[in-house]
Amino acid sequence: MEVRIRLQKSDTKAKGRYNYRIVAVPKCTPRQARALEILGYYDAAKKPAEYRVDVEKIDRWLAKGAQMSDTVRSLVKKSRKTA
């Protein structure tokens, strides 16, 4: 089973403003499918953008062969710089 680490829309605060969860999901599942594990969140509507990434969980999934989307990859990179 191929696993992707990607963003998933969660709540709608207002029209056009979304919160996102960083999740691990099987590659062939639909966008809003149930996640295997929630790994963090990302809120782009706030200035500056607010995010939290659980790097230990992401590293565990990467060791199992998961692949990250480009956006998640940049968020992980930023969080490792600040840590």
N, C-alpha and C. Protein backbone atom coordinates (compact mmCIF):
# COMPACT_ATOMS: atom_id res chain seq x y z
N MET A 1 0.85 -1.18 0.00
CA MET A 1 0.00 0.00 0.00
C MET A 1 0.89 1.24 0.00
N GLU A 2 0.74 2.07 -1.02
CA GLU A 2 1.48 3.32 -1.10
C GLU A 2 0.76 4.38 -0.27
N VAL A 3 1.53 5.12 0.51
CA VAL A 3 0.96 6.13 1.38
C VAL A 3 1.50 7.50 0.99
N ARG A 4 0.60 8.49 0.96
CA ARG A 4 0.97 9.88 0.69
C ARG A 4 0.72 10.71 1.93
N ILE A 5 1.60 11.65 2.18
CA ILE A 5 1.39 12.63 3.24
C ILE A 5 1.00 13.92 2.53
N ARG A 6 -0.24 14.37 2.77
CA ARG A 6 -0.76 15.51 2.02
C ARG A 6 -1.71 16.32 2.89
N LEU A 7 -2.20 17.42 2.31
CA LEU A 7 -3.15 18.28 3.01
C LEU A 7 -4.57 17.79 2.76
N GLN A 8 -5.42 17.97 3.76
CA GLN A 8 -6.84 17.61 3.65
C GLN A 8 -7.64 18.76 4.25
N LYS A 9 -8.64 19.24 3.51
CA LYS A 9 -9.49 20.31 4.02
C LYS A 9 -10.23 19.84 5.25
N SER A 10 -10.30 20.71 6.26
CA SER A 10 -11.05 20.31 7.46
C SER A 10 -12.26 21.21 7.65
N ASP A 11 -12.13 22.38 8.23
CA ASP A 11 -13.27 23.23 8.54
C ASP A 11 -13.33 24.43 7.61
N THR A 12 -14.54 24.90 7.37
CA THR A 12 -14.74 26.12 6.62
C THR A 12 -15.03 27.22 7.63
N LYS A 13 -14.16 28.17 7.75
CA LYS A 13 -14.41 29.29 8.66
C LYS A 13 -15.30 30.32 7.98
N ALA A 14 -14.97 30.68 6.79
CA ALA A 14 -15.75 31.64 6.01
C ALA A 14 -15.58 31.26 4.55
N LYS A 15 -16.32 31.93 3.71
CA LYS A 15 -16.27 31.59 2.28
C LYS A 15 -14.85 31.74 1.75
N GLY A 16 -14.32 30.65 1.22
CA GLY A 16 -13.00 30.67 0.62
C GLY A 16 -11.85 30.54 1.59
N ARG A 17 -12.13 30.38 2.87
CA ARG A 17 -11.07 30.25 3.87
C ARG A 17 -11.17 28.86 4.50
N TYR A 18 -10.11 28.10 4.38
CA TYR A 18 -10.11 26.73 4.89
C TYR A 18 -8.97 26.51 5.87
N ASN A 19 -9.16 25.58 6.75
CA ASN A 19 -8.09 25.02 7.55
C ASN A 19 -7.73 23.70 6.90
N TYR A 20 -6.49 23.32 7.01
CA TYR A 20 -6.04 22.06 6.43
C TYR A 20 -5.40 21.20 7.50
N ARG A 21 -5.58 19.90 7.38
CA ARG A 21 -4.87 18.93 8.21
C ARG A 21 -3.77 18.31 7.37
N ILE A 22 -2.67 17.99 7.99
CA ILE A 22 -1.63 17.23 7.33
C ILE A 22 -1.88 15.78 7.72
N VAL A 23 -2.14 14.93 6.73
CA VAL A 23 -2.57 13.56 7.00
C VAL A 23 -1.77 12.55 6.19
N ALA A 24 -1.77 11.33 6.68
CA ALA A 24 -1.22 10.19 5.94
C ALA A 24 -2.42 9.39 5.43
N VAL A 25 -2.50 9.22 4.10
CA VAL A 25 -3.61 8.49 3.48
C VAL A 25 -3.07 7.57 2.40
N PRO A 26 -3.78 6.46 2.12
CA PRO A 26 -3.39 5.63 0.97
C PRO A 26 -3.48 6.45 -0.32
N LYS A 27 -2.57 6.21 -1.23
CA LYS A 27 -2.43 7.03 -2.43
C LYS A 27 -3.69 7.08 -3.30
N CYS A 28 -4.42 6.00 -3.41
CA CYS A 28 -5.54 5.94 -4.35
C CYS A 28 -6.88 6.33 -3.72
N THR A 29 -6.90 6.90 -2.53
CA THR A 29 -8.16 7.27 -1.88
C THR A 29 -8.62 8.64 -2.34
N PRO A 30 -9.93 8.92 -2.25
CA PRO A 30 -10.44 10.25 -2.59
C PRO A 30 -9.90 11.31 -1.63
N ARG A 31 -10.04 12.56 -2.01
CA ARG A 31 -9.47 13.67 -1.26
C ARG A 31 -9.99 13.74 0.18
N GLN A 32 -11.27 13.54 0.40
CA GLN A 32 -11.85 13.68 1.72
C GLN A 32 -12.02 12.34 2.45
N ALA A 33 -11.27 11.34 2.05
CA ALA A 33 -11.37 10.02 2.69
C ALA A 33 -10.79 10.05 4.10
N ARG A 34 -11.12 9.05 4.87
CA ARG A 34 -10.63 8.95 6.24
C ARG A 34 -9.11 8.75 6.24
N ALA A 35 -8.43 9.50 7.07
CA ALA A 35 -6.97 9.46 7.13
C ALA A 35 -6.49 8.31 8.02
N LEU A 36 -5.31 7.79 7.70
CA LEU A 36 -4.69 6.79 8.56
C LEU A 36 -4.21 7.43 9.86
N GLU A 37 -3.66 8.66 9.74
CA GLU A 37 -3.16 9.37 10.92
C GLU A 37 -3.10 10.86 10.61
N ILE A 38 -3.43 11.68 11.59
CA ILE A 38 -3.32 13.13 11.46
C ILE A 38 -1.95 13.54 11.98
N LEU A 39 -1.19 14.27 11.16
CA LEU A 39 0.19 14.59 11.48
C LEU A 39 0.43 16.06 11.78
N GLY A 40 -0.59 16.89 11.65
CA GLY A 40 -0.43 18.31 11.93
C GLY A 40 -1.56 19.10 11.31
N TYR A 41 -1.40 20.45 11.29
CA TYR A 41 -2.40 21.30 10.67
C TYR A 41 -1.74 22.50 10.02
N TYR A 42 -2.49 23.19 9.16
CA TYR A 42 -2.00 24.35 8.43
C TYR A 42 -3.17 25.30 8.22
N ASP A 43 -3.02 26.55 8.64
CA ASP A 43 -4.05 27.56 8.47
C ASP A 43 -3.45 28.72 7.70
N ALA A 44 -3.71 28.78 6.41
CA ALA A 44 -3.13 29.81 5.55
C ALA A 44 -3.88 31.13 5.64
N ALA A 45 -5.08 31.13 6.22
CA ALA A 45 -5.88 32.34 6.29
C ALA A 45 -5.31 33.36 7.27
N LYS A 46 -4.60 32.89 8.28
CA LYS A 46 -4.01 33.80 9.26
C LYS A 46 -2.75 34.42 8.69
N LYS A 47 -2.45 35.62 9.12
CA LYS A 47 -1.23 36.30 8.69
C LYS A 47 -0.35 36.52 9.90
N PRO A 48 0.82 35.95 10.01
CA PRO A 48 1.41 34.96 9.11
C PRO A 48 0.72 33.60 9.25
N ALA A 49 0.90 32.77 8.25
CA ALA A 49 0.25 31.46 8.23
C ALA A 49 0.66 30.66 9.47
N GLU A 50 -0.32 29.97 10.04
CA GLU A 50 -0.08 29.17 11.25
C GLU A 50 -0.06 27.70 10.87
N TYR A 51 0.95 27.01 11.37
CA TYR A 51 1.04 25.57 11.10
C TYR A 51 1.73 24.87 12.26
N ARG A 52 1.43 23.59 12.40
CA ARG A 52 2.10 22.72 13.37
C ARG A 52 2.31 21.37 12.70
N VAL A 53 3.54 20.89 12.74
CA VAL A 53 3.89 19.64 12.10
C VAL A 53 4.54 18.73 13.14
N ASP A 54 4.04 17.51 13.24
CA ASP A 54 4.65 16.52 14.13
C ASP A 54 5.72 15.78 13.32
N VAL A 55 6.95 16.28 13.42
CA VAL A 55 8.05 15.79 12.59
C VAL A 55 8.39 14.33 12.91
N GLU A 56 8.26 13.93 14.17
CA GLU A 56 8.57 12.54 14.53
C GLU A 56 7.62 11.57 13.83
N LYS A 57 6.33 11.89 13.80
CA LYS A 57 5.38 11.02 13.11
C LYS A 57 5.64 10.99 11.61
N ILE A 58 5.97 12.14 11.04
CA ILE A 58 6.26 12.19 9.60
C ILE A 58 7.50 11.37 9.28
N ASP A 59 8.53 11.47 10.11
CA ASP A 59 9.73 10.66 9.89
C ASP A 59 9.42 9.17 9.96
N ARG A 60 8.52 8.79 10.87
CA ARG A 60 8.12 7.38 10.98
C ARG A 60 7.44 6.91 9.70
N TRP A 61 6.55 7.76 9.13
CA TRP A 61 5.87 7.39 7.89
C TRP A 61 6.85 7.37 6.71
N LEU A 62 7.80 8.30 6.69
CA LEU A 62 8.79 8.31 5.61
C LEU A 62 9.66 7.06 5.66
N ALA A 63 9.96 6.58 6.84
CA ALA A 63 10.74 5.35 6.98
C ALA A 63 9.98 4.14 6.44
N LYS A 64 8.65 4.21 6.48
CA LYS A 64 7.83 3.12 5.96
C LYS A 64 7.61 3.23 4.46
N GLY A 65 8.10 4.32 3.83
CA GLY A 65 8.00 4.46 2.39
C GLY A 65 6.96 5.47 1.91
N ALA A 66 6.42 6.28 2.80
CA ALA A 66 5.43 7.29 2.40
C ALA A 66 6.11 8.40 1.61
N GLN A 67 5.32 9.09 0.78
CA GLN A 67 5.82 10.21 0.00
C GLN A 67 5.04 11.46 0.37
N MET A 68 5.72 12.60 0.43
CA MET A 68 5.08 13.86 0.79
C MET A 68 4.70 14.65 -0.46
N SER A 69 3.62 15.41 -0.34
CA SER A 69 3.28 16.36 -1.40
C SER A 69 4.24 17.54 -1.32
N ASP A 70 4.28 18.36 -2.35
CA ASP A 70 5.21 19.50 -2.38
C ASP A 70 4.93 20.50 -1.27
N THR A 71 3.67 20.79 -1.01
CA THR A 71 3.32 21.75 0.03
C THR A 71 3.71 21.24 1.41
N VAL A 72 3.44 19.99 1.68
CA VAL A 72 3.80 19.41 2.97
C VAL A 72 5.32 19.39 3.12
N ARG A 73 6.01 19.09 2.04
CA ARG A 73 7.47 19.07 2.09
C ARG A 73 8.02 20.44 2.51
N SER A 74 7.45 21.52 1.97
CA SER A 74 7.92 22.86 2.33
C SER A 74 7.57 23.19 3.78
N LEU A 75 6.40 22.76 4.27
CA LEU A 75 6.04 23.01 5.66
C LEU A 75 6.96 22.26 6.62
N VAL A 76 7.32 21.03 6.27
CA VAL A 76 8.23 20.25 7.11
C VAL A 76 9.61 20.90 7.12
N LYS A 77 10.04 21.38 5.98
CA LYS A 77 11.33 22.05 5.87
C LYS A 77 11.37 23.29 6.77
N LYS A 78 10.29 24.09 6.75
CA LYS A 78 10.21 25.29 7.59
C LYS A 78 10.20 24.93 9.07
N SER A 79 9.45 23.90 9.43
CA SER A 79 9.36 23.53 10.84
C SER A 79 10.68 22.97 11.37
N ARG A 80 11.45 22.31 10.51
CA ARG A 80 12.76 21.80 10.95
C ARG A 80 13.75 22.94 11.13
N LYS A 81 13.62 24.02 10.34
CA LYS A 81 14.50 25.17 10.51
C LYS A 81 14.24 25.87 11.83
N THR A 82 12.97 25.99 12.21
CA THR A 82 12.62 26.71 13.43
C THR A 82 12.87 25.88 14.68
N ALA A 83 12.96 24.58 14.55
CA ALA A 83 13.15 23.72 15.72
C ALA A 83 14.59 23.68 16.19
